[in-house]
Full PDB file with SEQRES, HELIX, SHEET, SSBOND, CRYST1, ORIGX, SCALE, CONECT and MASTER records, all heavy atoms in Angstrom:
SEQRES   1 A   36  THR ARG ILE LEU ARG LEU MET GLY LEU GLU LYS ASP LEU          
SEQRES   2 A   36  ASN GLN GLY GLY LYS VAL ASP SER PHE ARG ARG PHE ILE          
SEQRES   3 A   36  TYR VAL HIS GLY THR ASN HIS GLU GLN ASN                      
HELIX    1 AA1 GLY A   17  VAL A   19  5                                   3    
SHEET    1 AA1 2 ILE A   3  ARG A   5  0                                        
SHEET    2 AA1 2 TYR A  27  HIS A  29 -1                                        
CRYST1    1.000    1.000    1.000  90.00  90.00  90.00 P 1           1          
ORIGX1      1.000000  0.000000  0.000000        0.00000                         
ORIGX2      0.000000  1.000000  0.000000        0.00000                         
ORIGX3      0.000000  0.000000  1.000000        0.00000                         
SCALE1      1.000000  0.000000  0.000000        0.00000                         
SCALE2      0.000000  1.000000  0.000000        0.00000                         
SCALE3      0.000000  0.000000  1.000000        0.00000                         
ATOM      1  N   THR A   1      80.214  55.668 157.746  1.00  0.00           N  
ATOM      2  CA  THR A   1      81.292  56.395 158.431  1.00  0.00           C  
ATOM      3  C   THR A   1      80.830  57.502 159.375  1.00  0.00           C  
ATOM      4  O   THR A   1      81.151  57.466 160.547  1.00  0.00           O  
ATOM      5  CB  THR A   1      82.343  56.909 157.432  1.00  0.00           C  
ATOM      6  OG1 THR A   1      82.804  55.795 156.659  1.00  0.00           O  
ATOM      7  CG2 THR A   1      83.522  57.541 158.118  1.00  0.00           C  
ATOM      8  N   ARG A   2      80.144  58.516 158.898  1.00  0.00           N  
ATOM      9  CA  ARG A   2      79.656  59.629 159.721  1.00  0.00           C  
ATOM     10  C   ARG A   2      78.361  60.158 159.113  1.00  0.00           C  
ATOM     11  O   ARG A   2      78.147  60.062 157.899  1.00  0.00           O  
ATOM     12  CB  ARG A   2      80.648  60.797 159.782  1.00  0.00           C  
ATOM     13  CG  ARG A   2      82.015  60.473 160.324  1.00  0.00           C  
ATOM     14  CD  ARG A   2      82.015  60.254 161.833  1.00  0.00           C  
ATOM     15  NE  ARG A   2      83.353  60.038 162.329  1.00  0.00           N  
ATOM     16  CZ  ARG A   2      83.996  58.868 162.336  1.00  0.00           C  
ATOM     17  NH1 ARG A   2      83.417  57.772 161.857  1.00  0.00           N  
ATOM     18  NH2 ARG A   2      85.227  58.766 162.821  1.00  0.00           N  
ATOM     19  N   ILE A   3      77.546  60.790 159.978  1.00  0.00           N  
ATOM     20  CA  ILE A   3      76.306  61.431 159.533  1.00  0.00           C  
ATOM     21  C   ILE A   3      76.265  62.841 160.106  1.00  0.00           C  
ATOM     22  O   ILE A   3      76.458  63.039 161.309  1.00  0.00           O  
ATOM     23  CB  ILE A   3      75.060  60.667 160.030  1.00  0.00           C  
ATOM     24  CG1 ILE A   3      75.020  59.236 159.464  1.00  0.00           C  
ATOM     25  CG2 ILE A   3      73.774  61.422 159.678  1.00  0.00           C  
ATOM     26  CD1 ILE A   3      73.956  58.352 160.091  1.00  0.00           C  
ATOM     27  N   LEU A   4      76.001  63.809 159.237  1.00  0.00           N  
ATOM     28  CA  LEU A   4      75.643  65.163 159.657  1.00  0.00           C  
ATOM     29  C   LEU A   4      74.166  65.305 159.301  1.00  0.00           C  
ATOM     30  O   LEU A   4      73.805  65.367 158.117  1.00  0.00           O  
ATOM     31  CB  LEU A   4      76.464  66.218 158.913  1.00  0.00           C  
ATOM     32  CG  LEU A   4      77.972  66.169 159.111  1.00  0.00           C  
ATOM     33  CD1 LEU A   4      78.666  67.164 158.199  1.00  0.00           C  
ATOM     34  CD2 LEU A   4      78.338  66.446 160.548  1.00  0.00           C  
ATOM     35  N   ARG A   5      73.314  65.290 160.308  1.00  0.00           N  
ATOM     36  CA  ARG A   5      71.876  65.374 160.052  1.00  0.00           C  
ATOM     37  C   ARG A   5      71.480  66.826 159.863  1.00  0.00           C  
ATOM     38  O   ARG A   5      71.972  67.715 160.577  1.00  0.00           O  
ATOM     39  CB  ARG A   5      71.080  64.763 161.211  1.00  0.00           C  
ATOM     40  CG  ARG A   5      69.604  64.648 160.874  1.00  0.00           C  
ATOM     41  CD  ARG A   5      68.845  63.794 161.818  1.00  0.00           C  
ATOM     42  NE  ARG A   5      67.472  63.637 161.363  1.00  0.00           N  
ATOM     43  CZ  ARG A   5      66.538  63.072 162.078  1.00  0.00           C  
ATOM     44  NH1 ARG A   5      66.806  62.596 163.281  1.00  0.00           N  
ATOM     45  NH2 ARG A   5      65.315  62.965 161.606  1.00  0.00           N  
ATOM     46  N   LEU A   6      70.579  67.065 158.919  1.00  0.00           N  
ATOM     47  CA  LEU A   6      70.200  68.420 158.546  1.00  0.00           C  
ATOM     48  C   LEU A   6      68.762  68.739 158.936  1.00  0.00           C  
ATOM     49  O   LEU A   6      67.874  67.892 158.839  1.00  0.00           O  
ATOM     50  CB  LEU A   6      70.371  68.615 157.035  1.00  0.00           C  
ATOM     51  CG  LEU A   6      71.761  68.325 156.492  1.00  0.00           C  
ATOM     52  CD1 LEU A   6      71.770  68.461 154.976  1.00  0.00           C  
ATOM     53  CD2 LEU A   6      72.792  69.245 157.131  1.00  0.00           C  
ATOM     54  N   MET A   7      68.576  69.988 159.328  1.00  0.00           N  
ATOM     55  CA  MET A   7      67.257  70.515 159.616  1.00  0.00           C  
ATOM     56  C   MET A   7      67.048  71.732 158.716  1.00  0.00           C  
ATOM     57  O   MET A   7      67.867  72.659 158.702  1.00  0.00           O  
ATOM     58  CB  MET A   7      67.176  70.937 161.093  1.00  0.00           C  
ATOM     59  CG  MET A   7      65.856  71.561 161.475  1.00  0.00           C  
ATOM     60  SD  MET A   7      65.749  71.919 163.259  1.00  0.00           S  
ATOM     61  CE  MET A   7      67.084  73.089 163.475  1.00  0.00           C  
ATOM     62  N   GLY A   8      65.969  71.707 157.941  1.00  0.00           N  
ATOM     63  CA  GLY A   8      65.649  72.847 157.091  1.00  0.00           C  
ATOM     64  C   GLY A   8      65.283  74.060 157.929  1.00  0.00           C  
ATOM     65  O   GLY A   8      64.663  73.930 158.992  1.00  0.00           O  
ATOM     66  N   LEU A   9      65.662  75.230 157.450  1.00  0.00           N  
ATOM     67  CA  LEU A   9      65.392  76.474 158.177  1.00  0.00           C  
ATOM     68  C   LEU A   9      64.406  77.388 157.457  1.00  0.00           C  
ATOM     69  O   LEU A   9      64.107  78.469 157.950  1.00  0.00           O  
ATOM     70  CB  LEU A   9      66.706  77.232 158.423  1.00  0.00           C  
ATOM     71  CG  LEU A   9      67.715  76.527 159.326  1.00  0.00           C  
ATOM     72  CD1 LEU A   9      69.013  77.323 159.390  1.00  0.00           C  
ATOM     73  CD2 LEU A   9      67.147  76.297 160.716  1.00  0.00           C  
ATOM     74  N   GLU A  10      63.925  76.949 156.286  1.00  0.00           N  
ATOM     75  CA  GLU A  10      63.031  77.798 155.500  1.00  0.00           C  
ATOM     76  C   GLU A  10      61.629  77.194 155.486  1.00  0.00           C  
ATOM     77  O   GLU A  10      61.372  76.207 154.788  1.00  0.00           O  
ATOM     78  CB  GLU A  10      63.568  77.970 154.083  1.00  0.00           C  
ATOM     79  CG  GLU A  10      64.894  78.696 154.054  1.00  0.00           C  
ATOM     80  CD  GLU A  10      65.354  79.026 152.656  1.00  0.00           C  
ATOM     81  OE1 GLU A  10      64.599  79.732 151.940  1.00  0.00           O  
ATOM     82  OE2 GLU A  10      66.453  78.577 152.274  1.00  0.00           O  
ATOM     83  N   LYS A  11      60.741  77.817 156.272  1.00  0.00           N  
ATOM     84  CA  LYS A  11      59.366  77.330 156.392  1.00  0.00           C  
ATOM     85  C   LYS A  11      58.720  77.225 155.008  1.00  0.00           C  
ATOM     86  O   LYS A  11      58.852  78.112 154.178  1.00  0.00           O  
ATOM     87  CB  LYS A  11      58.560  78.278 157.284  1.00  0.00           C  
ATOM     88  CG  LYS A  11      57.181  77.784 157.637  1.00  0.00           C  
ATOM     89  CD  LYS A  11      56.566  78.658 158.704  1.00  0.00           C  
ATOM     90  CE  LYS A  11      55.136  78.352 159.028  1.00  0.00           C  
ATOM     91  NZ  LYS A  11      54.646  77.041 158.876  1.00  0.00           N  
ATOM     92  N   ASP A  12      58.066  76.112 154.785  1.00  0.00           N  
ATOM     93  CA  ASP A  12      57.348  75.795 153.542  1.00  0.00           C  
ATOM     94  C   ASP A  12      58.257  75.541 152.341  1.00  0.00           C  
ATOM     95  O   ASP A  12      57.772  75.291 151.244  1.00  0.00           O  
ATOM     96  CB  ASP A  12      56.303  76.862 153.191  1.00  0.00           C  
ATOM     97  CG  ASP A  12      55.237  76.986 154.268  1.00  0.00           C  
ATOM     98  OD1 ASP A  12      54.881  75.961 154.886  1.00  0.00           O  
ATOM     99  OD2 ASP A  12      54.768  78.127 154.502  1.00  0.00           O  
ATOM    100  N   LEU A  13      59.563  75.615 152.530  1.00  0.00           N  
ATOM    101  CA  LEU A  13      60.501  75.224 151.471  1.00  0.00           C  
ATOM    102  C   LEU A  13      61.180  73.913 151.866  1.00  0.00           C  
ATOM    103  O   LEU A  13      61.144  72.938 151.120  1.00  0.00           O  
ATOM    104  CB  LEU A  13      61.558  76.308 151.209  1.00  0.00           C  
ATOM    105  CG  LEU A  13      62.611  75.903 150.170  1.00  0.00           C  
ATOM    106  CD1 LEU A  13      61.982  75.825 148.781  1.00  0.00           C  
ATOM    107  CD2 LEU A  13      63.785  76.856 150.174  1.00  0.00           C  
ATOM    108  N   ASN A  14      61.822  73.901 153.044  1.00  0.00           N  
ATOM    109  CA  ASN A  14      62.492  72.685 153.528  1.00  0.00           C  
ATOM    110  C   ASN A  14      62.197  72.429 155.009  1.00  0.00           C  
ATOM    111  O   ASN A  14      62.858  71.642 155.649  1.00  0.00           O  
ATOM    112  CB  ASN A  14      63.996  72.750 153.271  1.00  0.00           C  
ATOM    113  CG  ASN A  14      64.651  73.977 153.876  1.00  0.00           C  
ATOM    114  OD1 ASN A  14      64.235  74.484 154.916  1.00  0.00           O  
ATOM    115  ND2 ASN A  14      65.691  74.464 153.229  1.00  0.00           N  
ATOM    116  N   GLN A  15      61.186  73.110 155.532  1.00  0.00           N  
ATOM    117  CA  GLN A  15      60.796  72.963 156.934  1.00  0.00           C  
ATOM    118  C   GLN A  15      59.274  72.919 157.034  1.00  0.00           C  
ATOM    119  O   GLN A  15      58.591  73.785 156.483  1.00  0.00           O  
ATOM    120  CB  GLN A  15      61.320  74.134 157.756  1.00  0.00           C  
ATOM    121  CG  GLN A  15      60.981  74.057 159.234  1.00  0.00           C  
ATOM    122  CD  GLN A  15      61.316  75.355 159.931  1.00  0.00           C  
ATOM    123  OE1 GLN A  15      60.599  76.343 159.785  1.00  0.00           O  
ATOM    124  NE2 GLN A  15      62.409  75.359 160.676  1.00  0.00           N  
ATOM    125  N   GLY A  16      58.770  71.888 157.697  1.00  0.00           N  
ATOM    126  CA  GLY A  16      57.333  71.767 157.936  1.00  0.00           C  
ATOM    127  C   GLY A  16      56.605  70.994 156.847  1.00  0.00           C  
ATOM    128  O   GLY A  16      57.101  70.818 155.735  1.00  0.00           O  
ATOM    129  N   GLY A  17      55.442  70.511 157.205  1.00  0.00           N  
ATOM    130  CA  GLY A  17      54.563  69.832 156.256  1.00  0.00           C  
ATOM    131  C   GLY A  17      55.243  68.737 155.460  1.00  0.00           C  
ATOM    132  O   GLY A  17      55.987  67.927 155.999  1.00  0.00           O  
ATOM    133  N   LYS A  18      55.010  68.742 154.161  1.00  0.00           N  
ATOM    134  CA  LYS A  18      55.535  67.694 153.269  1.00  0.00           C  
ATOM    135  C   LYS A  18      56.890  68.049 152.662  1.00  0.00           C  
ATOM    136  O   LYS A  18      57.322  67.427 151.698  1.00  0.00           O  
ATOM    137  CB  LYS A  18      54.524  67.418 152.154  1.00  0.00           C  
ATOM    138  CG  LYS A  18      53.242  66.829 152.679  1.00  0.00           C  
ATOM    139  CD  LYS A  18      52.285  66.495 151.561  1.00  0.00           C  
ATOM    140  CE  LYS A  18      51.017  65.932 152.159  1.00  0.00           C  
ATOM    141  NZ  LYS A  18      50.646  64.681 151.568  1.00  0.00           N  
ATOM    142  N   VAL A  19      57.548  69.059 153.233  1.00  0.00           N  
ATOM    143  CA  VAL A  19      58.854  69.491 152.713  1.00  0.00           C  
ATOM    144  C   VAL A  19      59.929  69.510 153.798  1.00  0.00           C  
ATOM    145  O   VAL A  19      60.955  70.161 153.631  1.00  0.00           O  
ATOM    146  CB  VAL A  19      58.764  70.879 152.033  1.00  0.00           C  
ATOM    147  CG1 VAL A  19      57.883  70.844 150.804  1.00  0.00           C  
ATOM    148  CG2 VAL A  19      58.273  71.944 153.018  1.00  0.00           C  
ATOM    149  N   ASP A  20      59.724  68.788 154.889  1.00  0.00           N  
ATOM    150  CA  ASP A  20      60.600  68.888 156.044  1.00  0.00           C  
ATOM    151  C   ASP A  20      61.860  68.021 155.889  1.00  0.00           C  
ATOM    152  O   ASP A  20      61.787  66.791 155.943  1.00  0.00           O  
ATOM    153  CB  ASP A  20      59.836  68.472 157.301  1.00  0.00           C  
ATOM    154  CG  ASP A  20      60.524  68.975 158.542  1.00  0.00           C  
ATOM    155  OD1 ASP A  20      61.532  68.368 158.946  1.00  0.00           O  
ATOM    156  OD2 ASP A  20      60.060  69.979 159.102  1.00  0.00           O  
ATOM    157  N   SER A  21      63.010  68.653 155.696  1.00  0.00           N  
ATOM    158  CA  SER A  21      64.275  67.931 155.505  1.00  0.00           C  
ATOM    159  C   SER A  21      64.619  67.049 156.699  1.00  0.00           C  
ATOM    160  O   SER A  21      65.152  65.951 156.530  1.00  0.00           O  
ATOM    161  CB  SER A  21      65.431  68.908 155.260  1.00  0.00           C  
ATOM    162  OG  SER A  21      65.271  69.569 154.026  1.00  0.00           O  
ATOM    163  N   PHE A  22      64.323  67.512 157.905  1.00  0.00           N  
ATOM    164  CA  PHE A  22      64.625  66.723 159.104  1.00  0.00           C  
ATOM    165  C   PHE A  22      63.802  65.437 159.110  1.00  0.00           C  
ATOM    166  O   PHE A  22      64.340  64.350 159.302  1.00  0.00           O  
ATOM    167  CB  PHE A  22      64.357  67.555 160.364  1.00  0.00           C  
ATOM    168  CG  PHE A  22      64.720  66.860 161.637  1.00  0.00           C  
ATOM    169  CD1 PHE A  22      66.030  66.844 162.082  1.00  0.00           C  
ATOM    170  CD2 PHE A  22      63.752  66.217 162.399  1.00  0.00           C  
ATOM    171  CE1 PHE A  22      66.382  66.199 163.271  1.00  0.00           C  
ATOM    172  CE2 PHE A  22      64.084  65.575 163.580  1.00  0.00           C  
ATOM    173  CZ  PHE A  22      65.401  65.566 164.017  1.00  0.00           C  
ATOM    174  N   ARG A  23      62.512  65.554 158.880  1.00  0.00           N  
ATOM    175  CA  ARG A  23      61.639  64.366 158.870  1.00  0.00           C  
ATOM    176  C   ARG A  23      61.897  63.474 157.667  1.00  0.00           C  
ATOM    177  O   ARG A  23      61.573  62.292 157.689  1.00  0.00           O  
ATOM    178  CB  ARG A  23      60.175  64.779 158.921  1.00  0.00           C  
ATOM    179  CG  ARG A  23      59.773  65.276 160.299  1.00  0.00           C  
ATOM    180  CD  ARG A  23      58.284  65.256 160.535  1.00  0.00           C  
ATOM    181  NE  ARG A  23      57.477  65.638 159.402  1.00  0.00           N  
ATOM    182  CZ  ARG A  23      56.786  66.766 159.313  1.00  0.00           C  
ATOM    183  NH1 ARG A  23      56.791  67.629 160.296  1.00  0.00           N  
ATOM    184  NH2 ARG A  23      56.077  67.025 158.242  1.00  0.00           N  
ATOM    185  N   ARG A  24      62.497  64.033 156.622  1.00  0.00           N  
ATOM    186  CA  ARG A  24      62.878  63.230 155.447  1.00  0.00           C  
ATOM    187  C   ARG A  24      64.203  62.504 155.678  1.00  0.00           C  
ATOM    188  O   ARG A  24      64.639  61.743 154.835  1.00  0.00           O  
ATOM    189  CB  ARG A  24      63.015  64.130 154.202  1.00  0.00           C  
ATOM    190  CG  ARG A  24      61.700  64.637 153.657  1.00  0.00           C  
ATOM    191  CD  ARG A  24      61.924  65.488 152.421  1.00  0.00           C  
ATOM    192  NE  ARG A  24      62.555  64.703 151.362  1.00  0.00           N  
ATOM    193  CZ  ARG A  24      63.250  65.232 150.358  1.00  0.00           C  
ATOM    194  NH1 ARG A  24      63.410  66.538 150.261  1.00  0.00           N  
ATOM    195  NH2 ARG A  24      63.788  64.452 149.452  1.00  0.00           N  
ATOM    196  N   PHE A  25      64.870  62.778 156.792  1.00  0.00           N  
ATOM    197  CA  PHE A  25      66.166  62.170 157.115  1.00  0.00           C  
ATOM    198  C   PHE A  25      67.220  62.514 156.051  1.00  0.00           C  
ATOM    199  O   PHE A  25      67.892  61.644 155.519  1.00  0.00           O  
ATOM    200  CB  PHE A  25      66.037  60.653 157.296  1.00  0.00           C  
ATOM    201  CG  PHE A  25      65.036  60.268 158.346  1.00  0.00           C  
ATOM    202  CD1 PHE A  25      63.790  59.771 157.996  1.00  0.00           C  
ATOM    203  CD2 PHE A  25      65.337  60.452 159.685  1.00  0.00           C  
ATOM    204  CE1 PHE A  25      62.860  59.442 158.972  1.00  0.00           C  
ATOM    205  CE2 PHE A  25      64.408  60.123 160.676  1.00  0.00           C  
ATOM    206  CZ  PHE A  25      63.162  59.620 160.309  1.00  0.00           C  
ATOM    207  N   ILE A  26      67.341  63.807 155.779  1.00  0.00           N  
ATOM    208  CA  ILE A  26      68.355  64.294 154.846  1.00  0.00           C  
ATOM    209  C   ILE A  26      69.656  64.504 155.622  1.00  0.00           C  
ATOM    210  O   ILE A  26      69.672  65.189 156.646  1.00  0.00           O  
ATOM    211  CB  ILE A  26      67.906  65.606 154.166  1.00  0.00           C  
ATOM    212  CG1 ILE A  26      66.610  65.389 153.372  1.00  0.00           C  
ATOM    213  CG2 ILE A  26      69.014  66.167 153.282  1.00  0.00           C  
ATOM    214  CD1 ILE A  26      66.714  64.410 152.202  1.00  0.00           C  
ATOM    215  N   TYR A  27      70.726  63.897 155.115  1.00  0.00           N  
ATOM    216  CA  TYR A  27      72.029  63.931 155.773  1.00  0.00           C  
ATOM    217  C   TYR A  27      73.134  64.308 154.781  1.00  0.00           C  
ATOM    218  O   TYR A  27      72.973  64.188 153.572  1.00  0.00           O  
ATOM    219  CB  TYR A  27      72.447  62.543 156.290  1.00  0.00           C  
ATOM    220  CG  TYR A  27      71.456  61.718 157.029  1.00  0.00           C  
ATOM    221  CD1 TYR A  27      71.374  60.349 156.789  1.00  0.00           C  
ATOM    222  CD2 TYR A  27      70.629  62.259 158.002  1.00  0.00           C  
ATOM    223  CE1 TYR A  27      70.502  59.535 157.490  1.00  0.00           C  
ATOM    224  CE2 TYR A  27      69.744  61.447 158.716  1.00  0.00           C  
ATOM    225  CZ  TYR A  27      69.680  60.096 158.451  1.00  0.00           C  
ATOM    226  OH  TYR A  27      68.818  59.295 159.151  1.00  0.00           O  
ATOM    227  N   VAL A  28      74.293  64.628 155.346  1.00  0.00           N  
ATOM    228  CA  VAL A  28      75.574  64.526 154.656  1.00  0.00           C  
ATOM    229  C   VAL A  28      76.200  63.277 155.265  1.00  0.00           C  
ATOM    230  O   VAL A  28      76.269  63.158 156.497  1.00  0.00           O  
ATOM    231  CB  VAL A  28      76.471  65.755 154.912  1.00  0.00           C  
ATOM    232  CG1 VAL A  28      77.818  65.570 154.222  1.00  0.00           C  
ATOM    233  CG2 VAL A  28      75.793  67.043 154.459  1.00  0.00           C  
ATOM    234  N   HIS A  29      76.617  62.324 154.430  1.00  0.00           N  
ATOM    235  CA  HIS A  29      77.160  61.071 154.961  1.00  0.00           C  
ATOM    236  C   HIS A  29      78.137  60.437 153.987  1.00  0.00           C  
ATOM    237  O   HIS A  29      78.201  60.809 152.815  1.00  0.00           O  
ATOM    238  CB  HIS A  29      76.034  60.093 155.318  1.00  0.00           C  
ATOM    239  CG  HIS A  29      75.209  59.604 154.162  1.00  0.00           C  
ATOM    240  ND1 HIS A  29      75.617  58.592 153.324  1.00  0.00           N  
ATOM    241  CD2 HIS A  29      73.991  59.983 153.733  1.00  0.00           C  
ATOM    242  CE1 HIS A  29      74.677  58.368 152.423  1.00  0.00           C  
ATOM    243  NE2 HIS A  29      73.681  59.204 152.634  1.00  0.00           N  
ATOM    244  N   GLY A  30      78.874  59.450 154.480  1.00  0.00           N  
ATOM    245  CA  GLY A  30      79.771  58.674 153.632  1.00  0.00           C  
ATOM    246  C   GLY A  30      78.986  57.669 152.807  1.00  0.00           C  
ATOM    247  O   GLY A  30      77.806  57.403 153.070  1.00  0.00           O  
ATOM    248  N   THR A  31      79.674  57.104 151.810  1.00  0.00           N  
ATOM    249  CA  THR A  31      79.023  56.139 150.917  1.00  0.00           C  
ATOM    250  C   THR A  31      79.942  54.959 150.633  1.00  0.00           C  
ATOM    251  O   THR A  31      81.162  55.101 150.638  1.00  0.00           O  
ATOM    252  CB  THR A  31      78.606  56.803 149.583  1.00  0.00           C  
ATOM    253  OG1 THR A  31      77.994  55.827 148.741  1.00  0.00           O  
ATOM    254  CG2 THR A  31      79.803  57.415 148.855  1.00  0.00           C  
ATOM    255  N   ASN A  32      79.338  53.836 150.343  1.00  0.00           N  
ATOM    256  CA  ASN A  32      80.094  52.659 149.911  1.00  0.00           C  
ATOM    257  C   ASN A  32      80.276  52.649 148.398  1.00  0.00           C  
ATOM    258  O   ASN A  32      80.858  51.713 147.853  1.00  0.00           O  
ATOM    259  CB  ASN A  32      79.400  51.371 150.368  1.00  0.00           C  
ATOM    260  CG  ASN A  32      77.982  51.242 149.860  1.00  0.00           C  
ATOM    261  OD1 ASN A  32      77.208  52.202 149.897  1.00  0.00           O  
ATOM    262  ND2 ASN A  32      77.616  50.072 149.395  1.00  0.00           N  
ATOM    263  N   HIS A  33      79.799  53.674 147.707  1.00  0.00           N  
ATOM    264  CA  HIS A  33      79.940  53.782 146.255  1.00  0.00           C  
ATOM    265  C   HIS A  33      80.692  55.063 145.890  1.00  0.00           C  
ATOM    266  O   HIS A  33      80.188  55.915 145.152  1.00  0.00           O  
ATOM    267  CB  HIS A  33      78.565  53.749 145.581  1.00  0.00           C  
ATOM    268  CG  HIS A  33      77.857  52.441 145.745  1.00  0.00           C  
ATOM    269  ND1 HIS A  33      78.255  51.303 145.099  1.00  0.00           N  
ATOM    270  CD2 HIS A  33      76.799  52.094 146.513  1.00  0.00           C  
ATOM    271  CE1 HIS A  33      77.464  50.298 145.441  1.00  0.00           C  
ATOM    272  NE2 HIS A  33      76.568  50.754 146.313  1.00  0.00           N  
ATOM    273  N   GLU A  34      81.920  55.175 146.387  1.00  0.00           N  
ATOM    274  CA  GLU A  34      82.712  56.387 146.159  1.00  0.00           C  
ATOM    275  C   GLU A  34      82.993  56.638 144.684  1.00  0.00           C  
ATOM    276  O   GLU A  34      83.237  57.771 144.284  1.00  0.00           O  
ATOM    277  CB  GLU A  34      84.021  56.315 146.945  1.00  0.00           C  
ATOM    278  CG  GLU A  34      83.806  56.382 148.444  1.00  0.00           C  
ATOM    279  CD  GLU A  34      85.096  56.343 149.235  1.00  0.00           C  
ATOM    280  OE1 GLU A  34      86.169  56.026 148.672  1.00  0.00           O  
ATOM    281  OE2 GLU A  34      85.035  56.630 150.446  1.00  0.00           O  
ATOM    282  N   GLN A  35      82.944  55.593 143.864  1.00  0.00           N  
ATOM    283  CA  GLN A  35      83.189  55.750 142.430  1.00  0.00           C  
ATOM    284  C   GLN A  35      82.119  56.630 141.768  1.00  0.00           C  
ATOM    285  O   GLN A  35      82.337  57.146 140.673  1.00  0.00           O  
ATOM    286  CB  GLN A  35      83.268  54.379 141.726  1.00  0.00           C  
ATOM    287  CG  GLN A  35      81.956  53.627 141.605  1.00  0.00           C  
ATOM    288  CD  GLN A  35      81.541  52.834 142.849  1.00  0.00           C  
ATOM    289  OE1 GLN A  35      82.162  52.943 143.906  1.00  0.00           O  
ATOM    290  NE2 GLN A  35      80.493  52.036 142.728  1.00  0.00           N  
ATOM    291  N   ASN A  36      80.981  56.842 142.432  1.00  0.00           N  
ATOM    292  CA  ASN A  36      79.907  57.665 141.865  1.00  0.00           C  
ATOM    293  C   ASN A  36      79.985  59.132 142.279  1.00  0.00           C  
ATOM    294  O   ASN A  36      79.173  59.938 141.824  1.00  0.00           O  
ATOM    295  CB  ASN A  36      78.541  57.101 142.273  1.00  0.00           C  
ATOM    296  CG  ASN A  36      78.267  55.766 141.633  1.00  0.00           C  
ATOM    297  OD1 ASN A  36      78.718  55.484 140.523  1.00  0.00           O  
ATOM    298  ND2 ASN A  36      77.534  54.919 142.330  1.00  0.00           N  
TER     299      ASN A  36                                                      
MASTER        0    0    0    1    2    0    0    6  298    1    0    3          
END                                                                             
């Protein structure tokens, strides 16, 4: 349905290196399993 793509703003927590939310493709999105 829709995607809100997220970018982490906290260096070394969710931004950069092996913790980068953007490069991990972290989104807010719809699901086909609404029962969950």
